[in-house]
Amino acid sequence: MAEKTTKTSPGEFIRQVRTEASKVVWPTRQETTTTAIFVGIMMLMLSIFFLGVDTAFSALVQWLLSIA
């Protein structure tokens, strides 16, 4: 069976949202910069990796088609 839920008034909802929002811990500028640099480096490494995999599979397919 479904649980019964009670409706929350708009004022109570806003109060709950403010309470929860005050619990949020935002990252510092240093943490944000470090994370952004890390993401950029990982993106570059993965793009190079997938370029290599794609090139290898392309060469394999071309070789298979040439012997057929």
C-alpha atoms as a PDB file:
ATOM      1  CA  MET A   1       0.000   0.000   0.000  1.00  0.00           C
ATOM      2  CA  ALA A   2       1.072   3.547  -0.646  1.00  0.00           C
ATOM      3  CA  GLU A   3       2.134   5.681   2.285  1.00  0.00           C
ATOM      4  CA  LYS A   4      -0.021   8.632   3.228  1.00  0.00           C
ATOM      5  CA  THR A   5       1.783  11.909   2.839  1.00  0.00           C
ATOM      6  CA  THR A   6       0.786  15.217   4.336  1.00  0.00           C
ATOM      7  CA  LYS A   7       0.912  18.390   2.303  1.00  0.00           C
ATOM      8  CA  THR A   8       3.480  20.968   3.344  1.00  0.00           C
ATOM      9  CA  SER A   9       2.547  24.629   3.248  1.00  0.00           C
ATOM     10  CA  PRO A  10       4.633  26.868   0.957  1.00  0.00           C
ATOM     11  CA  GLY A  11       6.057  28.743   3.960  1.00  0.00           C
ATOM     12  CA  GLU A  12       7.129  25.513   5.649  1.00  0.00           C
ATOM     13  CA  PHE A  13       8.644  24.281   2.387  1.00  0.00           C
ATOM     14  CA  ILE A  14      10.723  27.470   1.996  1.00  0.00           C
ATOM     15  CA  ARG A  15      11.910  27.162   5.608  1.00  0.00           C
ATOM     16  CA  GLN A  16      12.975  23.552   5.021  1.00  0.00           C
ATOM     17  CA  VAL A  17      14.792  24.505   1.821  1.00  0.00           C
ATOM     18  CA  ARG A  18      16.696  27.289   3.622  1.00  0.00           C
ATOM     19  CA  THR A  19      17.621  24.895   6.442  1.00  0.00           C
ATOM     20  CA  GLU A  20      18.956  22.294   4.007  1.00  0.00           C
ATOM     21  CA  ALA A  21      20.735  24.903   1.858  1.00  0.00           C
ATOM     22  CA  SER A  22      22.574  26.205   4.941  1.00  0.00           C
ATOM     23  CA  LYS A  23      24.100  22.714   5.365  1.00  0.00           C
ATOM     24  CA  VAL A  24      25.780  22.817   1.938  1.00  0.00           C
ATOM     25  CA  VAL A  25      29.579  23.057   2.076  1.00  0.00           C
ATOM     26  CA  TRP A  26      30.901  24.778  -1.044  1.00  0.00           C
ATOM     27  CA  PRO A  27      34.393  23.971  -2.329  1.00  0.00           C
ATOM     28  CA  THR A  28      37.120  26.587  -2.032  1.00  0.00           C
ATOM     29  CA  ARG A  29      38.632  28.318  -5.054  1.00  0.00           C
ATOM     30  CA  GLN A  30      41.739  26.136  -4.654  1.00  0.00           C
ATOM     31  CA  GLU A  31      39.684  22.910  -4.653  1.00  0.00           C
ATOM     32  CA  THR A  32      37.689  24.056  -7.684  1.00  0.00           C
ATOM     33  CA  THR A  33      40.848  24.980  -9.610  1.00  0.00           C
ATOM     34  CA  THR A  34      42.573  21.699  -8.725  1.00  0.00           C
ATOM     35  CA  THR A  35      39.534  19.666  -9.742  1.00  0.00           C
ATOM     36  CA  ALA A  36      39.157  21.566 -13.032  1.00  0.00           C
ATOM     37  CA  ILE A  37      42.823  20.973 -13.909  1.00  0.00           C
ATOM     38  CA  PHE A  38      42.505  17.285 -13.022  1.00  0.00           C
ATOM     39  CA  VAL A  39      39.404  16.938 -15.210  1.00  0.00           C
ATOM     40  CA  GLY A  40      41.180  18.675 -18.097  1.00  0.00           C
ATOM     41  CA  ILE A  41      44.214  16.370 -17.836  1.00  0.00           C
ATOM     42  CA  MET A  42      42.035  13.245 -17.627  1.00  0.00           C
ATOM     43  CA  MET A  43      39.980  14.412 -20.619  1.00  0.00           C
ATOM     44  CA  LEU A  44      43.157  14.914 -22.641  1.00  0.00           C
ATOM     45  CA  MET A  45      44.537  11.493 -21.642  1.00  0.00           C
ATOM     46  CA  LEU A  46      41.285   9.699 -22.454  1.00  0.00           C
ATOM     47  CA  SER A  47      40.909  11.475 -25.795  1.00  0.00           C
ATOM     48  CA  ILE A  48      44.432  10.385 -26.782  1.00  0.00           C
ATOM     49  CA  PHE A  49      43.696   6.823 -25.609  1.00  0.00           C
ATOM     50  CA  PHE A  50      40.460   6.589 -27.598  1.00  0.00           C
ATOM     51  CA  LEU A  51      42.154   8.128 -30.633  1.00  0.00           C
ATOM     52  CA  GLY A  52      44.721   5.322 -30.453  1.00  0.00           C
ATOM     53  CA  VAL A  53      42.071   2.612 -30.020  1.00  0.00           C
ATOM     54  CA  ASP A  54      40.022   4.026 -32.887  1.00  0.00           C
ATOM     55  CA  THR A  55      43.092   4.215 -35.135  1.00  0.00           C
ATOM     56  CA  ALA A  56      44.043   0.622 -34.297  1.00  0.00           C
ATOM     57  CA  PHE A  57      40.552  -0.711 -35.006  1.00  0.00           C
ATOM     58  CA  SER A  58      40.389   1.319 -38.201  1.00  0.00           C
ATOM     59  CA  ALA A  59      43.684  -0.163 -39.381  1.00  0.00           C
ATOM     60  CA  LEU A  60      42.489  -3.667 -38.430  1.00  0.00           C
ATOM     61  CA  VAL A  61      39.235  -3.250 -40.374  1.00  0.00           C
ATOM     62  CA  GLN A  62      41.089  -1.841 -43.387  1.00  0.00           C
ATOM     63  CA  TRP A  63      43.479  -4.812 -43.298  1.00  0.00           C
ATOM     64  CA  LEU A  64      40.591  -7.312 -43.016  1.00  0.00           C
ATOM     65  CA  LEU A  65      38.796  -5.664 -45.941  1.00  0.00           C
ATOM     66  CA  SER A  66      41.954  -5.718 -48.065  1.00  0.00           C
ATOM     67  CA  ILE A  67      42.390  -9.489 -47.689  1.00  0.00           C
ATOM     68  CA  ALA A  68      38.738 -10.287 -48.442  1.00  0.00           C
END
